[in-house]
Amino acid sequence: MSEDPTQKLFKYIALLENTNEELEKTLKYCVTLLTQFKSSVPDPKGWQKMLDTFQEIIKVAETTVEKKTIH
């Protein structure tokens, strides 16, 4: 018997959420590594702008995880 479409949808959403959580962890780790090079890059202001953009993305990802209400 095939799986209930609602269950399939919930499993798919859970898989997407897990993937997003892993991407968020990876981005946080990358920001930690990239921050170490800020003082030695040719354009520290541009580098900081990039890091700030990544931090905004992380903030949105964290907010999205906190607002989970579907299941």
PDB file of N, CA and C in Angstrom:
ATOM      1  N   MET A   1       0.843  -1.173   0.000  1.00  0.00           N
ATOM      2  CA  MET A   1       0.000   0.000   0.000  1.00  0.00           C
ATOM      3  C   MET A   1       0.894   1.244   0.000  1.00  0.00           C
ATOM      4  N   SER A   2       0.518   2.243  -0.772  1.00  0.00           N
ATOM      5  CA  SER A   2       1.349   3.438  -0.850  1.00  0.00           C
ATOM      6  C   SER A   2       1.145   4.318   0.388  1.00  0.00           C
ATOM      7  N   GLU A   3       2.146   5.116   0.623  1.00  0.00           N
ATOM      8  CA  GLU A   3       2.144   5.995   1.804  1.00  0.00           C
ATOM      9  C   GLU A   3       1.133   7.132   1.631  1.00  0.00           C
ATOM     10  N   ASP A   4       0.550   7.535   2.742  1.00  0.00           N
ATOM     11  CA  ASP A   4      -0.396   8.646   2.775  1.00  0.00           C
ATOM     12  C   ASP A   4       0.291   9.905   2.229  1.00  0.00           C
ATOM     13  N   PRO A   5      -0.348  10.629   1.296  1.00  0.00           N
ATOM     14  CA  PRO A   5       0.265  11.837   0.718  1.00  0.00           C
ATOM     15  C   PRO A   5       0.648  12.878   1.784  1.00  0.00           C
ATOM     16  N   THR A   6      -0.151  12.989   2.834  1.00  0.00           N
ATOM     17  CA  THR A   6       0.170  13.944   3.895  1.00  0.00           C
ATOM     18  C   THR A   6       1.457  13.540   4.594  1.00  0.00           C
ATOM     19  N   GLN A   7       1.609  12.262   4.880  1.00  0.00           N
ATOM     20  CA  GLN A   7       2.840  11.769   5.518  1.00  0.00           C
ATOM     21  C   GLN A   7       4.046  11.994   4.620  1.00  0.00           C
ATOM     22  N   LYS A   8       3.866  11.743   3.320  1.00  0.00           N
ATOM     23  CA  LYS A   8       4.955  11.972   2.364  1.00  0.00           C
ATOM     24  C   LYS A   8       5.375  13.437   2.386  1.00  0.00           C
ATOM     25  N   LEU A   9       4.387  14.325   2.435  1.00  0.00           N
ATOM     26  CA  LEU A   9       4.687  15.759   2.469  1.00  0.00           C
ATOM     27  C   LEU A   9       5.443  16.123   3.736  1.00  0.00           C
ATOM     28  N   PHE A  10       4.998  15.617   4.887  1.00  0.00           N
ATOM     29  CA  PHE A  10       5.678  15.908   6.148  1.00  0.00           C
ATOM     30  C   PHE A  10       7.111  15.379   6.148  1.00  0.00           C
ATOM     31  N   LYS A  11       7.309  14.197   5.590  1.00  0.00           N
ATOM     32  CA  LYS A  11       8.668  13.640   5.503  1.00  0.00           C
ATOM     33  C   LYS A  11       9.547  14.518   4.606  1.00  0.00           C
ATOM     34  N   TYR A  12       8.970  14.987   3.507  1.00  0.00           N
ATOM     35  CA  TYR A  12       9.708  15.846   2.589  1.00  0.00           C
ATOM     36  C   TYR A  12      10.085  17.162   3.270  1.00  0.00           C
ATOM     37  N   ILE A  13       9.145  17.750   3.992  1.00  0.00           N
ATOM     38  CA  ILE A  13       9.419  18.998   4.707  1.00  0.00           C
ATOM     39  C   ILE A  13      10.499  18.774   5.758  1.00  0.00           C
ATOM     40  N   ALA A  14      10.420  17.675   6.482  1.00  0.00           N
ATOM     41  CA  ALA A  14      11.432  17.365   7.499  1.00  0.00           C
ATOM     42  C   ALA A  14      12.807  17.216   6.853  1.00  0.00           C
ATOM     43  N   LEU A  15      12.862  16.577   5.702  1.00  0.00           N
ATOM     44  CA  LEU A  15      14.131  16.426   4.984  1.00  0.00           C
ATOM     45  C   LEU A  15      14.692  17.788   4.577  1.00  0.00           C
ATOM     46  N   LEU A  16      13.835  18.670   4.073  1.00  0.00           N
ATOM     47  CA  LEU A  16      14.279  20.018   3.706  1.00  0.00           C
ATOM     48  C   LEU A  16      14.774  20.791   4.926  1.00  0.00           C
ATOM     49  N   GLU A  17      14.068  20.664   6.045  1.00  0.00           N
ATOM     50  CA  GLU A  17      14.486  21.349   7.270  1.00  0.00           C
ATOM     51  C   GLU A  17      15.843  20.842   7.738  1.00  0.00           C
ATOM     52  N   ASN A  18      16.045  19.534   7.679  1.00  0.00           N
ATOM     53  CA  ASN A  18      17.345  18.974   8.075  1.00  0.00           C
ATOM     54  C   ASN A  18      18.462  19.464   7.162  1.00  0.00           C
ATOM     55  N   THR A  19      18.168  19.518   5.876  1.00  0.00           N
ATOM     56  CA  THR A  19      19.160  20.019   4.917  1.00  0.00           C
ATOM     57  C   THR A  19      19.497  21.475   5.216  1.00  0.00           C
ATOM     58  N   ASN A  20      18.480  22.282   5.480  1.00  0.00           N
ATOM     59  CA  ASN A  20      18.722  23.693   5.792  1.00  0.00           C
ATOM     60  C   ASN A  20      19.525  23.856   7.079  1.00  0.00           C
ATOM     61  N   GLU A  21      19.252  23.025   8.070  1.00  0.00           N
ATOM     62  CA  GLU A  21      20.019  23.092   9.319  1.00  0.00           C
ATOM     63  C   GLU A  21      21.489  22.772   9.072  1.00  0.00           C
ATOM     64  N   GLU A  22      21.755  21.775   8.240  1.00  0.00           N
ATOM     65  CA  GLU A  22      23.143  21.429   7.918  1.00  0.00           C
ATOM     66  C   GLU A  22      23.817  22.557   7.140  1.00  0.00           C
ATOM     67  N   LEU A  23      23.088  23.159   6.216  1.00  0.00           N
ATOM     68  CA  LEU A  23      23.653  24.292   5.472  1.00  0.00           C
ATOM     69  C   LEU A  23      23.952  25.466   6.405  1.00  0.00           C
ATOM     70  N   GLU A  24      23.061  25.700   7.364  1.00  0.00           N
ATOM     71  CA  GLU A  24      23.280  26.768   8.340  1.00  0.00           C
ATOM     72  C   GLU A  24      24.536  26.503   9.168  1.00  0.00           C
ATOM     73  N   LYS A  25      24.697  25.283   9.641  1.00  0.00           N
ATOM     74  CA  LYS A  25      25.898  24.919  10.419  1.00  0.00           C
ATOM     75  C   LYS A  25      27.160  25.136   9.592  1.00  0.00           C
ATOM     76  N   THR A  26      27.097  24.724   8.331  1.00  0.00           N
ATOM     77  CA  THR A  26      28.256  24.861   7.448  1.00  0.00           C
ATOM     78  C   THR A  26      28.584  26.332   7.210  1.00  0.00           C
ATOM     79  N   LEU A  27      27.555  27.152   6.994  1.00  0.00           N
ATOM     80  CA  LEU A  27      27.785  28.583   6.781  1.00  0.00           C
ATOM     81  C   LEU A  27      28.391  29.228   8.025  1.00  0.00           C
ATOM     82  N   LYS A  28      27.904  28.855   9.208  1.00  0.00           N
ATOM     83  CA  LYS A  28      28.478  29.387  10.455  1.00  0.00           C
ATOM     84  C   LYS A  28      29.956  29.024  10.563  1.00  0.00           C
ATOM     85  N   TYR A  29      30.284  27.793  10.220  1.00  0.00           N
ATOM     86  CA  TYR A  29      31.676  27.353  10.275  1.00  0.00           C
ATOM     87  C   TYR A  29      32.528  28.137   9.274  1.00  0.00           C
ATOM     88  N   CYS A  30      31.998  28.336   8.077  1.00  0.00           N
ATOM     89  CA  CYS A  30      32.725  29.110   7.057  1.00  0.00           C
ATOM     90  C   CYS A  30      32.968  30.543   7.520  1.00  0.00           C
ATOM     91  N   VAL A  31      31.960  31.160   8.142  1.00  0.00           N
ATOM     92  CA  VAL A  31      32.109  32.528   8.641  1.00  0.00           C
ATOM     93  C   VAL A  31      33.200  32.573   9.707  1.00  0.00           C
ATOM     94  N   THR A  32      33.224  31.575  10.574  1.00  0.00           N
ATOM     95  CA  THR A  32      34.264  31.510  11.600  1.00  0.00           C
ATOM     96  C   THR A  32      35.648  31.456  10.956  1.00  0.00           C
ATOM     97  N   LEU A  33      35.787  30.623   9.943  1.00  0.00           N
ATOM     98  CA  LEU A  33      37.081  30.514   9.256  1.00  0.00           C
ATOM     99  C   LEU A  33      37.436  31.794   8.502  1.00  0.00           C
ATOM    100  N   LEU A  34      36.470  32.339   7.768  1.00  0.00           N
ATOM    101  CA  LEU A  34      36.737  33.531   6.966  1.00  0.00           C
ATOM    102  C   LEU A  34      37.039  34.756   7.820  1.00  0.00           C
ATOM    103  N   THR A  35      36.474  34.825   9.014  1.00  0.00           N
ATOM    104  CA  THR A  35      36.724  35.950   9.909  1.00  0.00           C
ATOM    105  C   THR A  35      38.208  36.023  10.280  1.00  0.00           C
ATOM    106  N   GLN A  36      38.847  34.893  10.357  1.00  0.00           N
ATOM    107  CA  GLN A  36      40.274  34.856  10.725  1.00  0.00           C
ATOM    108  C   GLN A  36      41.166  35.541   9.694  1.00  0.00           C
ATOM    109  N   PHE A  37      40.699  35.666   8.471  1.00  0.00           N
ATOM    110  CA  PHE A  37      41.516  36.242   7.402  1.00  0.00           C
ATOM    111  C   PHE A  37      41.240  37.718   7.158  1.00  0.00           C
ATOM    112  N   LYS A  38      40.304  38.286   7.897  1.00  0.00           N
ATOM    113  CA  LYS A  38      39.874  39.664   7.645  1.00  0.00           C
ATOM    114  C   LYS A  38      41.040  40.662   7.674  1.00  0.00           C
ATOM    115  N   SER A  39      41.950  40.487   8.589  1.00  0.00           N
ATOM    116  CA  SER A  39      43.048  41.456   8.724  1.00  0.00           C
ATOM    117  C   SER A  39      44.097  41.336   7.619  1.00  0.00           C
ATOM    118  N   SER A  40      44.085  40.236   6.872  1.00  0.00           N
ATOM    119  CA  SER A  40      45.128  40.050   5.859  1.00  0.00           C
ATOM    120  C   SER A  40      44.618  40.124   4.416  1.00  0.00           C
ATOM    121  N   VAL A  41      43.379  40.483   4.214  1.00  0.00           N
ATOM    122  CA  VAL A  41      42.854  40.574   2.848  1.00  0.00           C
ATOM    123  C   VAL A  41      43.075  41.986   2.295  1.00  0.00           C
ATOM    124  N   PRO A  42      43.122  42.129   0.970  1.00  0.00           N
ATOM    125  CA  PRO A  42      43.357  43.446   0.378  1.00  0.00           C
ATOM    126  C   PRO A  42      42.227  44.458   0.629  1.00  0.00           C
ATOM    127  N   ASP A  43      41.002  43.954   0.830  1.00  0.00           N
ATOM    128  CA  ASP A  43      39.858  44.845   1.006  1.00  0.00           C
ATOM    129  C   ASP A  43      39.084  44.450   2.281  1.00  0.00           C
ATOM    130  N   PRO A  44      39.610  44.849   3.458  1.00  0.00           N
ATOM    131  CA  PRO A  44      38.950  44.453   4.708  1.00  0.00           C
ATOM    132  C   PRO A  44      37.500  44.930   4.823  1.00  0.00           C
ATOM    133  N   LYS A  45      37.193  46.112   4.289  1.00  0.00           N
ATOM    134  CA  LYS A  45      35.812  46.601   4.353  1.00  0.00           C
ATOM    135  C   LYS A  45      34.884  45.725   3.504  1.00  0.00           C
ATOM    136  N   GLY A  46      35.325  45.380   2.327  1.00  0.00           N
ATOM    137  CA  GLY A  46      34.547  44.494   1.466  1.00  0.00           C
ATOM    138  C   GLY A  46      34.388  43.118   2.082  1.00  0.00           C
ATOM    139  N   TRP A  47      35.474  42.658   2.707  1.00  0.00           N
ATOM    140  CA  TRP A  47      35.445  41.356   3.384  1.00  0.00           C
ATOM    141  C   TRP A  47      34.424  41.380   4.523  1.00  0.00           C
ATOM    142  N   GLN A  48      34.440  42.468   5.294  1.00  0.00           N
ATOM    143  CA  GLN A  48      33.496  42.589   6.403  1.00  0.00           C
ATOM    144  C   GLN A  48      32.054  42.664   5.886  1.00  0.00           C
ATOM    145  N   LYS A  49      31.866  43.338   4.765  1.00  0.00           N
ATOM    146  CA  LYS A  49      30.531  43.415   4.181  1.00  0.00           C
ATOM    147  C   LYS A  49      30.040  42.012   3.804  1.00  0.00           C
ATOM    148  N   MET A  50      30.937  41.205   3.247  1.00  0.00           N
ATOM    149  CA  MET A  50      30.597  39.825   2.905  1.00  0.00           C
ATOM    150  C   MET A  50      30.229  39.043   4.165  1.00  0.00           C
ATOM    151  N   LEU A  51      31.032  39.189   5.223  1.00  0.00           N
ATOM    152  CA  LEU A  51      30.756  38.493   6.483  1.00  0.00           C
ATOM    153  C   LEU A  51      29.428  38.948   7.079  1.00  0.00           C
ATOM    154  N   ASP A  52      29.146  40.242   6.997  1.00  0.00           N
ATOM    155  CA  ASP A  52      27.871  40.771   7.495  1.00  0.00           C
ATOM    156  C   ASP A  52      26.691  40.181   6.721  1.00  0.00           C
ATOM    157  N   THR A  53      26.860  40.035   5.415  1.00  0.00           N
ATOM    158  CA  THR A  53      25.810  39.430   4.595  1.00  0.00           C
ATOM    159  C   THR A  53      25.573  37.988   5.028  1.00  0.00           C
ATOM    160  N   PHE A  54      26.656  37.249   5.248  1.00  0.00           N
ATOM    161  CA  PHE A  54      26.524  35.871   5.724  1.00  0.00           C
ATOM    162  C   PHE A  54      25.824  35.826   7.084  1.00  0.00           C
ATOM    163  N   GLN A  55      26.153  36.778   7.965  1.00  0.00           N
ATOM    164  CA  GLN A  55      25.516  36.808   9.288  1.00  0.00           C
ATOM    165  C   GLN A  55      24.015  37.077   9.168  1.00  0.00           C
ATOM    166  N   GLU A  56      23.632  37.930   8.237  1.00  0.00           N
ATOM    167  CA  GLU A  56      22.207  38.189   8.008  1.00  0.00           C
ATOM    168  C   GLU A  56      21.497  36.933   7.519  1.00  0.00           C
ATOM    169  N   ILE A  57      22.154  36.193   6.642  1.00  0.00           N
ATOM    170  CA  ILE A  57      21.579  34.942   6.148  1.00  0.00           C
ATOM    171  C   ILE A  57      21.409  33.950   7.301  1.00  0.00           C
ATOM    172  N   ILE A  58      22.404  33.877   8.166  1.00  0.00           N
ATOM    173  CA  ILE A  58      22.335  32.990   9.333  1.00  0.00           C
ATOM    174  C   ILE A  58      21.188  33.407  10.239  1.00  0.00           C
ATOM    175  N   LYS A  59      21.049  34.701  10.454  1.00  0.00           N
ATOM    176  CA  LYS A  59      19.978  35.203  11.316  1.00  0.00           C
ATOM    177  C   LYS A  59      18.606  34.812  10.762  1.00  0.00           C
ATOM    178  N   VAL A  60      18.434  34.951   9.449  1.00  0.00           N
ATOM    179  CA  VAL A  60      17.165  34.575   8.816  1.00  0.00           C
ATOM    180  C   VAL A  60      16.936  33.073   8.968  1.00  0.00           C
ATOM    181  N   ALA A  61      17.977  32.291   8.772  1.00  0.00           N
ATOM    182  CA  ALA A  61      17.848  30.832   8.912  1.00  0.00           C
ATOM    183  C   ALA A  61      17.459  30.454  10.334  1.00  0.00           C
ATOM    184  N   GLU A  62      18.064  31.093  11.317  1.00  0.00           N
ATOM    185  CA  GLU A  62      17.735  30.800  12.716  1.00  0.00           C
ATOM    186  C   GLU A  62      16.303  31.206  13.031  1.00  0.00           C
ATOM    187  N   THR A  63      15.869  32.334  12.516  1.00  0.00           N
ATOM    188  CA  THR A  63      14.501  32.800  12.739  1.00  0.00           C
ATOM    189  C   THR A  63      13.501  31.848  12.102  1.00  0.00           C
ATOM    190  N   THR A  64      13.824  31.361  10.913  1.00  0.00           N
ATOM    191  CA  THR A  64      12.944  30.432  10.218  1.00  0.00           C
ATOM    192  C   THR A  64      12.781  29.145  11.020  1.00  0.00           C
ATOM    193  N   VAL A  65      13.865  28.650  11.585  1.00  0.00           N
ATOM    194  CA  VAL A  65      13.805  27.420  12.386  1.00  0.00           C
ATOM    195  C   VAL A  65      12.944  27.643  13.630  1.00  0.00           C
ATOM    196  N   GLU A  66      13.049  28.803  14.253  1.00  0.00           N
ATOM    197  CA  GLU A  66      12.270  29.101  15.454  1.00  0.00           C
ATOM    198  C   GLU A  66      10.782  29.196  15.146  1.00  0.00           C
ATOM    199  N   LYS A  67      10.409  29.554  13.927  1.00  0.00           N
ATOM    200  CA  LYS A  67       9.004  29.779  13.576  1.00  0.00           C
ATOM    201  C   LYS A  67       8.321  28.535  13.012  1.00  0.00           C
ATOM    202  N   LYS A  68       8.952  27.368  13.106  1.00  0.00           N
ATOM    203  CA  LYS A  68       8.336  26.143  12.581  1.00  0.00           C
ATOM    204  C   LYS A  68       7.014  25.901  13.282  1.00  0.00           C
ATOM    205  N   THR A  69       5.939  25.834  12.514  1.00  0.00           N
ATOM    206  CA  THR A  69       4.628  25.577  13.098  1.00  0.00           C
ATOM    207  C   THR A  69       3.815  24.557  12.325  1.00  0.00           C
ATOM    208  N   ILE A  70       4.338  24.074  11.243  1.00  0.00           N
ATOM    209  CA  ILE A  70       3.564  23.174  10.386  1.00  0.00           C
ATOM    210  C   ILE A  70       3.349  21.819  11.045  1.00  0.00           C
ATOM    211  N   HIS A  71       4.364  21.280  11.709  1.00  0.00           N
ATOM    212  CA  HIS A  71       4.215  19.955  12.310  1.00  0.00           C
ATOM    213  C   HIS A  71       4.923  19.853  13.626  1.00  0.00           C
TER     214      HIS A  71
END
